[in-house]
Amino acid sequence: AGYLASMAMLIVTIWWILVRIFRSKKSWPPLFFLSTVVGATYVLL
């Protein structure tokens, strides 16, 4: 419960930042950024 809640919070918060702050809202780029920023950074860490 704790692990999934913290993972969901991290991923959804980064999604919100991508859409709201960086204004990446349409088509495939937001999904690309989410997958690569979260995925690659997490794996690197």
ModelCIF file with pLDDT and N, C-alpha, C, O atoms, coordinates in Angstrom:
data_MODEL
#
_entry.id   MODEL 
#
_entity.id                         1 
_entity.type                       polymer 
_entity.pdbx_number_of_molecules   1 
#
_entity_poly.entity_id                      1 
_entity_poly.type                           'polypeptide(L)' 
_entity_poly.nstd_linkage                   no 
_entity_poly.nstd_monomer                   no 
_entity_poly.pdbx_seq_one_letter_code       AGYLASMAMLIVTIWWILVRIFRSKKSWPPLFFLSTVVGATYVLL 
_entity_poly.pdbx_seq_one_letter_code_can   AGYLASMAMLIVTIWWILVRIFRSKKSWPPLFFLSTVVGATYVLL 
_entity_poly.pdbx_strand_id                 A 
#
loop_
_entity_poly_seq.entity_id 
_entity_poly_seq.num 
_entity_poly_seq.mon_id 
_entity_poly_seq.hetero 
1 1  ALA n 
1 2  GLY n 
1 3  TYR n 
1 4  LEU n 
1 5  ALA n 
1 6  SER n 
1 7  MET n 
1 8  ALA n 
1 9  MET n 
1 10 LEU n 
1 11 ILE n 
1 12 VAL n 
1 13 THR n 
1 14 ILE n 
1 15 TRP n 
1 16 TRP n 
1 17 ILE n 
1 18 LEU n 
1 19 VAL n 
1 20 ARG n 
1 21 ILE n 
1 22 PHE n 
1 23 ARG n 
1 24 SER n 
1 25 LYS n 
1 26 LYS n 
1 27 SER n 
1 28 TRP n 
1 29 PRO n 
1 30 PRO n 
1 31 LEU n 
1 32 PHE n 
1 33 PHE n 
1 34 LEU n 
1 35 SER n 
1 36 THR n 
1 37 VAL n 
1 38 VAL n 
1 39 GLY n 
1 40 ALA n 
1 41 THR n 
1 42 TYR n 
1 43 VAL n 
1 44 LEU n 
1 45 LEU n 
#
_struct_asym.id          A 
_struct_asym.entity_id   1 
#
loop_
_ma_qa_metric.id 
_ma_qa_metric.mode 
_ma_qa_metric.name 
_ma_qa_metric.software_group_id 
_ma_qa_metric.type 
1 global pLDDT . pLDDT 
2 local  pLDDT . pLDDT 
#
_ma_qa_metric_global.metric_id      1 
_ma_qa_metric_global.metric_value   83.38 
_ma_qa_metric_global.model_id       1 
_ma_qa_metric_global.ordinal_id     1 
#
loop_
_ma_qa_metric_local.label_asym_id 
_ma_qa_metric_local.label_comp_id 
_ma_qa_metric_local.label_seq_id 
_ma_qa_metric_local.metric_id 
_ma_qa_metric_local.metric_value 
_ma_qa_metric_local.model_id 
_ma_qa_metric_local.ordinal_id 
A ALA 1  2 95.00 1 1  
A GLY 2  2 95.00 1 2  
A TYR 3  2 94.00 1 3  
A LEU 4  2 95.00 1 4  
A ALA 5  2 95.00 1 5  
A SER 6  2 95.00 1 6  
A MET 7  2 93.00 1 7  
A ALA 8  2 93.00 1 8  
A MET 9  2 94.00 1 9  
A LEU 10 2 92.00 1 10 
A ILE 11 2 91.00 1 11 
A VAL 12 2 92.00 1 12 
A THR 13 2 92.00 1 13 
A ILE 14 2 89.00 1 14 
A TRP 15 2 87.00 1 15 
A TRP 16 2 90.00 1 16 
A ILE 17 2 88.00 1 17 
A LEU 18 2 84.00 1 18 
A VAL 19 2 82.00 1 19 
A ARG 20 2 81.00 1 20 
A ILE 21 2 73.00 1 21 
A PHE 22 2 64.00 1 22 
A ARG 23 2 64.00 1 23 
A SER 24 2 61.00 1 24 
A LYS 25 2 67.00 1 25 
A LYS 26 2 65.00 1 26 
A SER 27 2 69.00 1 27 
A TRP 28 2 70.00 1 28 
A PRO 29 2 78.00 1 29 
A PRO 30 2 78.00 1 30 
A LEU 31 2 80.00 1 31 
A PHE 32 2 82.00 1 32 
A PHE 33 2 82.00 1 33 
A LEU 34 2 84.00 1 34 
A SER 35 2 85.00 1 35 
A THR 36 2 83.00 1 36 
A VAL 37 2 79.00 1 37 
A VAL 38 2 84.00 1 38 
A GLY 39 2 84.00 1 39 
A ALA 40 2 82.00 1 40 
A THR 41 2 85.00 1 41 
A TYR 42 2 87.00 1 42 
A VAL 43 2 84.00 1 43 
A LEU 44 2 81.00 1 44 
A LEU 45 2 84.00 1 45 
#
loop_
_atom_site.group_PDB 
_atom_site.id 
_atom_site.type_symbol 
_atom_site.label_atom_id 
_atom_site.label_alt_id 
_atom_site.label_comp_id 
_atom_site.label_asym_id 
_atom_site.label_entity_id 
_atom_site.label_seq_id 
_atom_site.pdbx_PDB_ins_code 
_atom_site.Cartn_x 
_atom_site.Cartn_y 
_atom_site.Cartn_z 
_atom_site.occupancy 
_atom_site.B_iso_or_equiv 
_atom_site.pdbx_formal_charge 
_atom_site.auth_seq_id 
_atom_site.auth_comp_id 
_atom_site.auth_asym_id 
_atom_site.auth_atom_id 
_atom_site.pdbx_PDB_model_num 
ATOM 1   N N  . ALA A 1 1  ? 0.830  -1.206 0.000   1.00 95.00 ? 1  ALA A N  1 
ATOM 2   C CA . ALA A 1 1  ? 0.000  0.000  0.000   1.00 95.00 ? 1  ALA A CA 1 
ATOM 3   C C  . ALA A 1 1  ? 0.865  1.257  0.000   1.00 95.00 ? 1  ALA A C  1 
ATOM 4   O O  . ALA A 1 1  ? 0.628  2.176  -0.783  1.00 95.00 ? 1  ALA A O  1 
ATOM 5   N N  . GLY A 1 2  ? 1.865  1.296  0.877   1.00 95.00 ? 2  GLY A N  1 
ATOM 6   C CA . GLY A 1 2  ? 2.742  2.461  0.938   1.00 95.00 ? 2  GLY A CA 1 
ATOM 7   C C  . GLY A 1 2  ? 3.580  2.627  -0.310  1.00 95.00 ? 2  GLY A C  1 
ATOM 8   O O  . GLY A 1 2  ? 3.771  3.742  -0.797  1.00 95.00 ? 2  GLY A O  1 
ATOM 9   N N  . TYR A 1 3  ? 4.083  1.511  -0.831  1.00 94.00 ? 3  TYR A N  1 
ATOM 10  C CA . TYR A 1 3  ? 4.939  1.569  -2.012  1.00 94.00 ? 3  TYR A CA 1 
ATOM 11  C C  . TYR A 1 3  ? 4.165  2.059  -3.230  1.00 94.00 ? 3  TYR A C  1 
ATOM 12  O O  . TYR A 1 3  ? 4.628  2.948  -3.943  1.00 94.00 ? 3  TYR A O  1 
ATOM 13  N N  . LEU A 1 4  ? 2.990  1.484  -3.470  1.00 95.00 ? 4  LEU A N  1 
ATOM 14  C CA . LEU A 1 4  ? 2.207  1.865  -4.644  1.00 95.00 ? 4  LEU A CA 1 
ATOM 15  C C  . LEU A 1 4  ? 1.682  3.296  -4.513  1.00 95.00 ? 4  LEU A C  1 
ATOM 16  O O  . LEU A 1 4  ? 1.627  4.026  -5.503  1.00 95.00 ? 4  LEU A O  1 
ATOM 17  N N  . ALA A 1 5  ? 1.302  3.696  -3.313  1.00 95.00 ? 5  ALA A N  1 
ATOM 18  C CA . ALA A 1 5  ? 0.830  5.075  -3.123  1.00 95.00 ? 5  ALA A CA 1 
ATOM 19  C C  . ALA A 1 5  ? 1.932  6.076  -3.443  1.00 95.00 ? 5  ALA A C  1 
ATOM 20  O O  . ALA A 1 5  ? 1.683  7.080  -4.110  1.00 95.00 ? 5  ALA A O  1 
ATOM 21  N N  . SER A 1 6  ? 3.146  5.808  -2.973  1.00 95.00 ? 6  SER A N  1 
ATOM 22  C CA . SER A 1 6  ? 4.254  6.745  -3.222  1.00 95.00 ? 6  SER A CA 1 
ATOM 23  C C  . SER A 1 6  ? 4.655  6.736  -4.695  1.00 95.00 ? 6  SER A C  1 
ATOM 24  O O  . SER A 1 6  ? 4.990  7.783  -5.247  1.00 95.00 ? 6  SER A O  1 
ATOM 25  N N  . MET A 1 7  ? 4.626  5.566  -5.338  1.00 93.00 ? 7  MET A N  1 
ATOM 26  C CA . MET A 1 7  ? 4.930  5.499  -6.766  1.00 93.00 ? 7  MET A CA 1 
ATOM 27  C C  . MET A 1 7  ? 3.896  6.251  -7.588  1.00 93.00 ? 7  MET A C  1 
ATOM 28  O O  . MET A 1 7  ? 4.241  7.009  -8.495  1.00 93.00 ? 7  MET A O  1 
ATOM 29  N N  . ALA A 1 8  ? 2.602  6.034  -7.259  1.00 93.00 ? 8  ALA A N  1 
ATOM 30  C CA . ALA A 1 8  ? 1.535  6.736  -7.979  1.00 93.00 ? 8  ALA A CA 1 
ATOM 31  C C  . ALA A 1 8  ? 1.643  8.239  -7.781  1.00 93.00 ? 8  ALA A C  1 
ATOM 32  O O  . ALA A 1 8  ? 1.465  9.006  -8.727  1.00 93.00 ? 8  ALA A O  1 
ATOM 33  N N  . MET A 1 9  ? 1.934  8.663  -6.552  1.00 94.00 ? 9  MET A N  1 
ATOM 34  C CA . MET A 1 9  ? 2.068  10.089 -6.284  1.00 94.00 ? 9  MET A CA 1 
ATOM 35  C C  . MET A 1 9  ? 3.204  10.694 -7.102  1.00 94.00 ? 9  MET A C  1 
ATOM 36  O O  . MET A 1 9  ? 3.054  11.780 -7.663  1.00 94.00 ? 9  MET A O  1 
ATOM 37  N N  . LEU A 1 10 ? 4.340  9.997  -7.174  1.00 92.00 ? 10 LEU A N  1 
ATOM 38  C CA . LEU A 1 10 ? 5.489  10.506 -7.916  1.00 92.00 ? 10 LEU A CA 1 
ATOM 39  C C  . LEU A 1 10 ? 5.177  10.615 -9.402  1.00 92.00 ? 10 LEU A C  1 
ATOM 40  O O  . LEU A 1 10 ? 5.445  11.647 -10.018 1.00 92.00 ? 10 LEU A O  1 
ATOM 41  N N  . ILE A 1 11 ? 4.613  9.559  -9.983  1.00 91.00 ? 11 ILE A N  1 
ATOM 42  C CA . ILE A 1 11 ? 4.379  9.546  -11.430 1.00 91.00 ? 11 ILE A CA 1 
ATOM 43  C C  . ILE A 1 11 ? 3.288  10.534 -11.820 1.00 91.00 ? 11 ILE A C  1 
ATOM 44  O O  . ILE A 1 11 ? 3.441  11.271 -12.794 1.00 91.00 ? 11 ILE A O  1 
ATOM 45  N N  . VAL A 1 12 ? 2.192  10.558 -11.072 1.00 92.00 ? 12 VAL A N  1 
ATOM 46  C CA . VAL A 1 12 ? 1.096  11.474 -11.415 1.00 92.00 ? 12 VAL A CA 1 
ATOM 47  C C  . VAL A 1 12 ? 1.506  12.926 -11.193 1.00 92.00 ? 12 VAL A C  1 
ATOM 48  O O  . VAL A 1 12 ? 1.097  13.808 -11.948 1.00 92.00 ? 12 VAL A O  1 
ATOM 49  N N  . THR A 1 13 ? 2.312  13.181 -10.162 1.00 92.00 ? 13 THR A N  1 
ATOM 50  C CA . THR A 1 13 ? 2.786  14.561 -9.926  1.00 92.00 ? 13 THR A CA 1 
ATOM 51  C C  . THR A 1 13 ? 3.688  15.021 -11.071 1.00 92.00 ? 13 THR A C  1 
ATOM 52  O O  . THR A 1 13 ? 3.590  16.164 -11.516 1.00 92.00 ? 13 THR A O  1 
ATOM 53  N N  . ILE A 1 14 ? 4.554  14.148 -11.542 1.00 89.00 ? 14 ILE A N  1 
ATOM 54  C CA . ILE A 1 14 ? 5.404  14.513 -12.685 1.00 89.00 ? 14 ILE A CA 1 
ATOM 55  C C  . ILE A 1 14 ? 4.546  14.733 -13.926 1.00 89.00 ? 14 ILE A C  1 
ATOM 56  O O  . ILE A 1 14 ? 4.823  15.629 -14.723 1.00 89.00 ? 14 ILE A O  1 
ATOM 57  N N  . TRP A 1 15 ? 3.512  13.925 -14.091 1.00 87.00 ? 15 TRP A N  1 
ATOM 58  C CA . TRP A 1 15 ? 2.587  14.135 -15.218 1.00 87.00 ? 15 TRP A CA 1 
ATOM 59  C C  . TRP A 1 15 ? 1.924  15.515 -15.125 1.00 87.00 ? 15 TRP A C  1 
ATOM 60  O O  . TRP A 1 15 ? 1.829  16.236 -16.118 1.00 87.00 ? 15 TRP A O  1 
ATOM 61  N N  . TRP A 1 16 ? 1.472  15.869 -13.934 1.00 90.00 ? 16 TRP A N  1 
ATOM 62  C CA . TRP A 1 16 ? 0.841  17.183 -13.729 1.00 90.00 ? 16 TRP A CA 1 
ATOM 63  C C  . TRP A 1 16 ? 1.817  18.309 -14.073 1.00 90.00 ? 16 TRP A C  1 
ATOM 64  O O  . TRP A 1 16 ? 1.435  19.302 -14.693 1.00 90.00 ? 16 TRP A O  1 
ATOM 65  N N  . ILE A 1 17 ? 3.077  18.149 -13.665 1.00 88.00 ? 17 ILE A N  1 
ATOM 66  C CA . ILE A 1 17 ? 4.088  19.176 -13.958 1.00 88.00 ? 17 ILE A CA 1 
ATOM 67  C C  . ILE A 1 17 ? 4.300  19.293 -15.466 1.00 88.00 ? 17 ILE A C  1 
ATOM 68  O O  . ILE A 1 17 ? 4.403  20.397 -15.999 1.00 88.00 ? 17 ILE A O  1 
ATOM 69  N N  . LEU A 1 18 ? 4.363  18.158 -16.145 1.00 84.00 ? 18 LEU A N  1 
ATOM 70  C CA . LEU A 1 18 ? 4.557  18.184 -17.600 1.00 84.00 ? 18 LEU A CA 1 
ATOM 71  C C  . LEU A 1 18 ? 3.404  18.901 -18.297 1.00 84.00 ? 18 LEU A C  1 
ATOM 72  O O  . LEU A 1 18 ? 3.631  19.702 -19.204 1.00 84.00 ? 18 LEU A O  1 
ATOM 73  N N  . VAL A 1 19 ? 2.181  18.622 -17.887 1.00 82.00 ? 19 VAL A N  1 
ATOM 74  C CA . VAL A 1 19 ? 1.007  19.178 -18.558 1.00 82.00 ? 19 VAL A CA 1 
ATOM 75  C C  . VAL A 1 19 ? 0.772  20.634 -18.172 1.00 82.00 ? 19 VAL A C  1 
ATOM 76  O O  . VAL A 1 19 ? 0.493  21.472 -19.029 1.00 82.00 ? 19 VAL A O  1 
ATOM 77  N N  . ARG A 1 20 ? 0.888  20.934 -16.863 1.00 81.00 ? 20 ARG A N  1 
ATOM 78  C CA . ARG A 1 20 ? 0.542  22.272 -16.386 1.00 81.00 ? 20 ARG A CA 1 
ATOM 79  C C  . ARG A 1 20 ? 1.683  23.279 -16.520 1.00 81.00 ? 20 ARG A C  1 
ATOM 80  O O  . ARG A 1 20 ? 1.475  24.403 -16.977 1.00 81.00 ? 20 ARG A O  1 
ATOM 81  N N  . ILE A 1 21 ? 2.857  22.881 -16.129 1.00 73.00 ? 21 ILE A N  1 
ATOM 82  C CA . ILE A 1 21 ? 3.962  23.849 -16.073 1.00 73.00 ? 21 ILE A CA 1 
ATOM 83  C C  . ILE A 1 21 ? 4.693  23.936 -17.405 1.00 73.00 ? 21 ILE A C  1 
ATOM 84  O O  . ILE A 1 21 ? 4.993  25.030 -17.882 1.00 73.00 ? 21 ILE A O  1 
ATOM 85  N N  . PHE A 1 22 ? 4.981  22.784 -18.004 1.00 64.00 ? 22 PHE A N  1 
ATOM 86  C CA . PHE A 1 22 ? 5.715  22.806 -19.275 1.00 64.00 ? 22 PHE A CA 1 
ATOM 87  C C  . PHE A 1 22 ? 4.784  22.857 -20.493 1.00 64.00 ? 22 PHE A C  1 
ATOM 88  O O  . PHE A 1 22 ? 5.247  22.878 -21.634 1.00 64.00 ? 22 PHE A O  1 
ATOM 89  N N  . ARG A 1 23 ? 3.483  22.875 -20.243 1.00 64.00 ? 23 ARG A N  1 
ATOM 90  C CA . ARG A 1 23 ? 2.483  23.071 -21.299 1.00 64.00 ? 23 ARG A CA 1 
ATOM 91  C C  . ARG A 1 23 ? 2.558  22.018 -22.400 1.00 64.00 ? 23 ARG A C  1 
ATOM 92  O O  . ARG A 1 23 ? 2.196  22.279 -23.548 1.00 64.00 ? 23 ARG A O  1 
ATOM 93  N N  . SER A 1 24 ? 3.028  20.837 -22.043 1.00 61.00 ? 24 SER A N  1 
ATOM 94  C CA . SER A 1 24 ? 3.047  19.745 -23.022 1.00 61.00 ? 24 SER A CA 1 
ATOM 95  C C  . SER A 1 24 ? 1.752  18.965 -22.846 1.00 61.00 ? 24 SER A C  1 
ATOM 96  O O  . SER A 1 24 ? 1.661  18.093 -21.983 1.00 61.00 ? 24 SER A O  1 
ATOM 97  N N  . LYS A 1 25 ? 0.726  19.285 -23.684 1.00 67.00 ? 25 LYS A N  1 
ATOM 98  C CA . LYS A 1 25 ? -0.617 18.783 -23.435 1.00 67.00 ? 25 LYS A CA 1 
ATOM 99  C C  . LYS A 1 25 ? -1.139 17.832 -24.500 1.00 67.00 ? 25 LYS A C  1 
ATOM 100 O O  . LYS A 1 25 ? -2.019 17.020 -24.212 1.00 67.00 ? 25 LYS A O  1 
ATOM 101 N N  . LYS A 1 26 ? -0.618 17.907 -25.732 1.00 65.00 ? 26 LYS A N  1 
ATOM 102 C CA . LYS A 1 26 ? -1.256 17.215 -26.844 1.00 65.00 ? 26 LYS A CA 1 
ATOM 103 C C  . LYS A 1 26 ? -0.450 16.027 -27.360 1.00 65.00 ? 26 LYS A C  1 
ATOM 104 O O  . LYS A 1 26 ? 0.777  15.986 -27.272 1.00 65.00 ? 26 LYS A O  1 
ATOM 105 N N  . SER A 1 27 ? -1.191 15.065 -27.900 1.00 69.00 ? 27 SER A N  1 
ATOM 106 C CA . SER A 1 27 ? -0.644 13.980 -28.689 1.00 69.00 ? 27 SER A CA 1 
ATOM 107 C C  . SER A 1 27 ? 0.342  13.131 -27.901 1.00 69.00 ? 27 SER A C  1 
ATOM 108 O O  . SER A 1 27 ? 0.181  12.947 -26.694 1.00 69.00 ? 27 SER A O  1 
ATOM 109 N N  . TRP A 1 28 ? 1.355  12.618 -28.576 1.00 70.00 ? 28 TRP A N  1 
ATOM 110 C CA . TRP A 1 28 ? 2.275  11.667 -27.970 1.00 70.00 ? 28 TRP A CA 1 
ATOM 111 C C  . TRP A 1 28 ? 3.391  12.276 -27.113 1.00 70.00 ? 28 TRP A C  1 
ATOM 112 O O  . TRP A 1 28 ? 3.895  11.572 -26.239 1.00 70.00 ? 28 TRP A O  1 
ATOM 113 N N  . PRO A 1 29 ? 3.829  13.581 -27.307 1.00 78.00 ? 29 PRO A N  1 
ATOM 114 C CA . PRO A 1 29 ? 4.969  14.067 -26.510 1.00 78.00 ? 29 PRO A CA 1 
ATOM 115 C C  . PRO A 1 29 ? 4.792  13.959 -25.000 1.00 78.00 ? 29 PRO A C  1 
ATOM 116 O O  . PRO A 1 29 ? 5.752  13.579 -24.330 1.00 78.00 ? 29 PRO A O  1 
ATOM 117 N N  . PRO A 1 30 ? 3.607  14.274 -24.403 1.00 78.00 ? 30 PRO A N  1 
ATOM 118 C CA . PRO A 1 30 ? 3.512  14.131 -22.945 1.00 78.00 ? 30 PRO A CA 1 
ATOM 119 C C  . PRO A 1 30 ? 3.759  12.693 -22.480 1.00 78.00 ? 30 PRO A C  1 
ATOM 120 O O  . PRO A 1 30 ? 4.413  12.472 -21.460 1.00 78.00 ? 30 PRO A O  1 
ATOM 121 N N  . LEU A 1 31 ? 3.235  11.719 -23.229 1.00 80.00 ? 31 LEU A N  1 
ATOM 122 C CA . LEU A 1 31 ? 3.456  10.322 -22.858 1.00 80.00 ? 31 LEU A CA 1 
ATOM 123 C C  . LEU A 1 31 ? 4.924  9.939  -23.024 1.00 80.00 ? 31 LEU A C  1 
ATOM 124 O O  . LEU A 1 31 ? 5.474  9.189  -22.217 1.00 80.00 ? 31 LEU A O  1 
ATOM 125 N N  . PHE A 1 32 ? 5.549  10.458 -24.073 1.00 82.00 ? 32 PHE A N  1 
ATOM 126 C CA . PHE A 1 32 ? 6.971  10.200 -24.299 1.00 82.00 ? 32 PHE A CA 1 
ATOM 127 C C  . PHE A 1 32 ? 7.805  10.772 -23.152 1.00 82.00 ? 32 PHE A C  1 
ATOM 128 O O  . PHE A 1 32 ? 8.681  10.099 -22.610 1.00 82.00 ? 32 PHE A O  1 
ATOM 129 N N  . PHE A 1 33 ? 7.516  12.036 -22.791 1.00 82.00 ? 33 PHE A N  1 
ATOM 130 C CA . PHE A 1 33 ? 8.274  12.672 -21.713 1.00 82.00 ? 33 PHE A CA 1 
ATOM 131 C C  . PHE A 1 33 ? 8.059  11.938 -20.385 1.00 82.00 ? 33 PHE A C  1 
ATOM 132 O O  . PHE A 1 33 ? 9.008  11.719 -19.633 1.00 82.00 ? 33 PHE A O  1 
ATOM 133 N N  . LEU A 1 34 ? 6.801  11.560 -20.101 1.00 84.00 ? 34 LEU A N  1 
ATOM 134 C CA . LEU A 1 34 ? 6.526  10.864 -18.847 1.00 84.00 ? 34 LEU A CA 1 
ATOM 135 C C  . LEU A 1 34 ? 7.296  9.544  -18.789 1.00 84.00 ? 34 LEU A C  1 
ATOM 136 O O  . LEU A 1 34 ? 7.960  9.251  -17.795 1.00 84.00 ? 34 LEU A O  1 
ATOM 137 N N  . SER A 1 35 ? 7.206  8.762  -19.847 1.00 85.00 ? 35 SER A N  1 
ATOM 138 C CA . SER A 1 35 ? 7.854  7.453  -19.858 1.00 85.00 ? 35 SER A CA 1 
ATOM 139 C C  . SER A 1 35 ? 9.369  7.570  -19.733 1.00 85.00 ? 35 SER A C  1 
ATOM 140 O O  . SER A 1 35 ? 10.001 6.804  -19.006 1.00 85.00 ? 35 SER A O  1 
ATOM 141 N N  . THR A 1 36 ? 9.943  8.533  -20.445 1.00 83.00 ? 36 THR A N  1 
ATOM 142 C CA . THR A 1 36 ? 11.408 8.647  -20.449 1.00 83.00 ? 36 THR A CA 1 
ATOM 143 C C  . THR A 1 36 ? 11.934 9.362  -19.210 1.00 83.00 ? 36 THR A C  1 
ATOM 144 O O  . THR A 1 36 ? 12.926 8.938  -18.617 1.00 83.00 ? 36 THR A O  1 
ATOM 145 N N  . VAL A 1 37 ? 11.260 10.459 -18.815 1.00 79.00 ? 37 VAL A N  1 
ATOM 146 C CA . VAL A 1 37 ? 11.733 11.202 -17.644 1.00 79.00 ? 37 VAL A CA 1 
ATOM 147 C C  . VAL A 1 37 ? 11.611 10.350 -16.391 1.00 79.00 ? 37 VAL A C  1 
ATOM 148 O O  . VAL A 1 37 ? 12.568 10.205 -15.630 1.00 79.00 ? 37 VAL A O  1 
ATOM 149 N N  . VAL A 1 38 ? 10.415 9.782  -16.180 1.00 84.00 ? 38 VAL A N  1 
ATOM 150 C CA . VAL A 1 38 ? 10.226 8.955  -14.988 1.00 84.00 ? 38 VAL A CA 1 
ATOM 151 C C  . VAL A 1 38 ? 11.009 7.651  -15.113 1.00 84.00 ? 38 VAL A C  1 
ATOM 152 O O  . VAL A 1 38 ? 11.777 7.286  -14.223 1.00 84.00 ? 38 VAL A O  1 
ATOM 153 N N  . GLY A 1 39 ? 10.802 6.953  -16.235 1.00 84.00 ? 39 GLY A N  1 
ATOM 154 C CA . GLY A 1 39 ? 11.434 5.648  -16.381 1.00 84.00 ? 39 GLY A CA 1 
ATOM 155 C C  . GLY A 1 39 ? 12.943 5.702  -16.367 1.00 84.00 ? 39 GLY A C  1 
ATOM 156 O O  . GLY A 1 39 ? 13.590 5.012  -15.580 1.00 84.00 ? 39 GLY A O  1 
ATOM 157 N N  . ALA A 1 40 ? 13.517 6.536  -17.252 1.00 82.00 ? 40 ALA A N  1 
ATOM 158 C CA . ALA A 1 40 ? 14.977 6.581  -17.368 1.00 82.00 ? 40 ALA A CA 1 
ATOM 159 C C  . ALA A 1 40 ? 15.619 7.129  -16.092 1.00 82.00 ? 40 ALA A C  1 
ATOM 160 O O  . ALA A 1 40 ? 16.632 6.606  -15.628 1.00 82.00 ? 40 ALA A O  1 
ATOM 161 N N  . THR A 1 41 ? 15.020 8.193  -15.523 1.00 85.00 ? 41 THR A N  1 
ATOM 162 C CA . THR A 1 41 ? 15.596 8.777  -14.307 1.00 85.00 ? 41 THR A CA 1 
ATOM 163 C C  . THR A 1 41 ? 15.534 7.795  -13.144 1.00 85.00 ? 41 THR A C  1 
ATOM 164 O O  . THR A 1 41 ? 16.493 7.664  -12.384 1.00 85.00 ? 41 THR A O  1 
ATOM 165 N N  . TYR A 1 42 ? 14.406 7.107  -13.007 1.00 87.00 ? 42 TYR A N  1 
ATOM 166 C CA . TYR A 1 42 ? 14.253 6.147  -11.912 1.00 87.00 ? 42 TYR A CA 1 
ATOM 167 C C  . TYR A 1 42 ? 15.257 5.010  -12.050 1.00 87.00 ? 42 TYR A C  1 
ATOM 168 O O  . TYR A 1 42 ? 15.901 4.613  -11.078 1.00 87.00 ? 42 TYR A O  1 
ATOM 169 N N  . VAL A 1 43 ? 15.381 4.496  -13.261 1.00 84.00 ? 43 VAL A N  1 
ATOM 170 C CA . VAL A 1 43 ? 16.334 3.412  -13.494 1.00 84.00 ? 43 VAL A CA 1 
ATOM 171 C C  . VAL A 1 43 ? 17.763 3.884  -13.237 1.00 84.00 ? 43 VAL A C  1 
ATOM 172 O O  . VAL A 1 43 ? 18.571 3.149  -12.668 1.00 84.00 ? 43 VAL A O  1 
ATOM 173 N N  . LEU A 1 44 ? 18.072 5.107  -13.657 1.00 81.00 ? 44 LEU A N  1 
ATOM 174 C CA . LEU A 1 44 ? 19.407 5.652  -13.425 1.00 81.00 ? 44 LEU A CA 1 
ATOM 175 C C  . LEU A 1 44 ? 19.692 5.777  -11.926 1.00 81.00 ? 44 LEU A C  1 
ATOM 176 O O  . LEU A 1 44 ? 20.775 5.422  -11.461 1.00 81.00 ? 44 LEU A O  1 
ATOM 177 N N  . LEU A 1 45 ? 18.709 6.284  -11.174 1.00 84.00 ? 45 LEU A N  1 
ATOM 178 C CA . LEU A 1 45 ? 18.889 6.414  -9.724  1.00 84.00 ? 45 LEU A CA 1 
ATOM 179 C C  . LEU A 1 45 ? 19.055 5.047  -9.070  1.00 84.00 ? 45 LEU A C  1 
ATOM 180 O O  . LEU A 1 45 ? 19.217 4.961  -7.853  1.00 84.00 ? 45 LEU A O  1 
#
